[in-house]
Amino acid sequence: MIKAFISHSSKDKKFVRTLKEDLNENGIETWFDEDQLDLGDSLLEKLDTSLEESTHFIIILSSLR
């Protein structure tokens, strides 16, 4: 099973939501902060666990403009 961690800037949320949906529709599980983080969660613990469980890492680079 492929599980992809998506790292991105908040200004790229719209694009990342679409990417996540496309990946999920093609059988690729994703870790996306909006879906996995709840109020009060330890960000560092969630990130650490998610990175360990992921098989792939996707980095979304933002334009400087």
C-alpha atoms as a PDB file:
ATOM      1  CA  MET A   1       0.000   0.000   0.000  1.00  0.00           C
ATOM      2  CA  ILE A   2       1.173   3.505  -0.815  1.00  0.00           C
ATOM      3  CA  LYS A   3       0.738   6.165   1.855  1.00  0.00           C
ATOM      4  CA  ALA A   4       1.891   9.636   0.817  1.00  0.00           C
ATOM      5  CA  PHE A   5       2.667  12.490   3.202  1.00  0.00           C
ATOM      6  CA  ILE A   6       1.926  15.853   1.553  1.00  0.00           C
ATOM      7  CA  SER A   7       4.070  18.762   2.737  1.00  0.00           C
ATOM      8  CA  HIS A   8       2.835  22.179   1.628  1.00  0.00           C
ATOM      9  CA  SER A   9       2.392  25.850   2.381  1.00  0.00           C
ATOM     10  CA  SER A  10      -1.025  27.031   3.538  1.00  0.00           C
ATOM     11  CA  LYS A  11      -1.245  29.222   0.426  1.00  0.00           C
ATOM     12  CA  ASP A  12      -1.303  26.016  -1.669  1.00  0.00           C
ATOM     13  CA  LYS A  13      -4.274  24.445   0.168  1.00  0.00           C
ATOM     14  CA  LYS A  14      -6.636  24.599  -2.816  1.00  0.00           C
ATOM     15  CA  PHE A  15      -4.179  22.753  -5.073  1.00  0.00           C
ATOM     16  CA  VAL A  16      -3.298  20.240  -2.353  1.00  0.00           C
ATOM     17  CA  ARG A  17      -6.970  19.431  -1.684  1.00  0.00           C
ATOM     18  CA  THR A  18      -7.406  18.565  -5.370  1.00  0.00           C
ATOM     19  CA  LEU A  19      -4.162  16.546  -5.418  1.00  0.00           C
ATOM     20  CA  LYS A  20      -5.228  14.627  -2.307  1.00  0.00           C
ATOM     21  CA  GLU A  21      -8.610  13.799  -3.809  1.00  0.00           C
ATOM     22  CA  ASP A  22      -7.000  12.621  -7.059  1.00  0.00           C
ATOM     23  CA  LEU A  23      -4.501  10.439  -5.210  1.00  0.00           C
ATOM     24  CA  ASN A  24      -7.212   8.945  -2.986  1.00  0.00           C
ATOM     25  CA  GLU A  25      -9.385   8.162  -6.014  1.00  0.00           C
ATOM     26  CA  ASN A  26      -6.442   6.204  -7.433  1.00  0.00           C
ATOM     27  CA  GLY A  27      -5.931   4.094  -4.315  1.00  0.00           C
ATOM     28  CA  ILE A  28      -3.167   6.164  -2.739  1.00  0.00           C
ATOM     29  CA  GLU A  29      -3.720   6.953   0.912  1.00  0.00           C
ATOM     30  CA  THR A  30      -2.620  10.444   1.921  1.00  0.00           C
ATOM     31  CA  TRP A  31      -1.699  12.331   5.058  1.00  0.00           C
ATOM     32  CA  PHE A  32      -3.094  15.845   4.820  1.00  0.00           C
ATOM     33  CA  ASP A  33      -3.129  18.117   7.856  1.00  0.00           C
ATOM     34  CA  GLU A  34      -6.752  19.213   7.453  1.00  0.00           C
ATOM     35  CA  ASP A  35      -7.895  15.600   7.585  1.00  0.00           C
ATOM     36  CA  GLN A  36      -5.667  14.265  10.347  1.00  0.00           C
ATOM     37  CA  LEU A  37      -5.118  17.066  12.850  1.00  0.00           C
ATOM     38  CA  ASP A  38      -7.669  17.801  15.556  1.00  0.00           C
ATOM     39  CA  LEU A  39      -7.793  20.673  18.011  1.00  0.00           C
ATOM     40  CA  GLY A  40      -5.462  19.897  20.905  1.00  0.00           C
ATOM     41  CA  ASP A  41      -3.335  17.328  19.027  1.00  0.00           C
ATOM     42  CA  SER A  42       0.409  17.467  19.468  1.00  0.00           C
ATOM     43  CA  LEU A  43       1.655  18.602  16.068  1.00  0.00           C
ATOM     44  CA  LEU A  44       5.114  17.104  16.583  1.00  0.00           C
ATOM     45  CA  GLU A  45       3.734  13.723  17.648  1.00  0.00           C
ATOM     46  CA  LYS A  46       1.296  13.591  14.719  1.00  0.00           C
ATOM     47  CA  LEU A  47       3.987  14.580  12.223  1.00  0.00           C
ATOM     48  CA  ASP A  48       6.485  12.083  13.637  1.00  0.00           C
ATOM     49  CA  THR A  49       4.004   9.206  13.526  1.00  0.00           C
ATOM     50  CA  SER A  50       2.726  10.135  10.081  1.00  0.00           C
ATOM     51  CA  LEU A  51       6.206  10.415   8.597  1.00  0.00           C
ATOM     52  CA  GLU A  52       7.143   6.997  10.015  1.00  0.00           C
ATOM     53  CA  GLU A  53       4.003   5.415   8.537  1.00  0.00           C
ATOM     54  CA  SER A  54       4.334   7.050   5.110  1.00  0.00           C
ATOM     55  CA  THR A  55       5.907   5.258   2.172  1.00  0.00           C
ATOM     56  CA  HIS A  56       6.211   8.380   0.012  1.00  0.00           C
ATOM     57  CA  PHE A  57       6.817  12.076   0.674  1.00  0.00           C
ATOM     58  CA  ILE A  58       5.364  14.745  -1.624  1.00  0.00           C
ATOM     59  CA  ILE A  59       6.696  18.285  -1.342  1.00  0.00           C
ATOM     60  CA  ILE A  60       4.654  21.076  -2.906  1.00  0.00           C
ATOM     61  CA  LEU A  61       6.864  24.054  -3.743  1.00  0.00           C
ATOM     62  CA  SER A  62       5.245  27.484  -3.866  1.00  0.00           C
ATOM     63  CA  SER A  63       5.945  30.241  -6.294  1.00  0.00           C
ATOM     64  CA  LEU A  64       7.753  33.239  -4.838  1.00  0.00           C
ATOM     65  CA  ARG A  65       5.238  35.548  -6.474  1.00  0.00           C
END
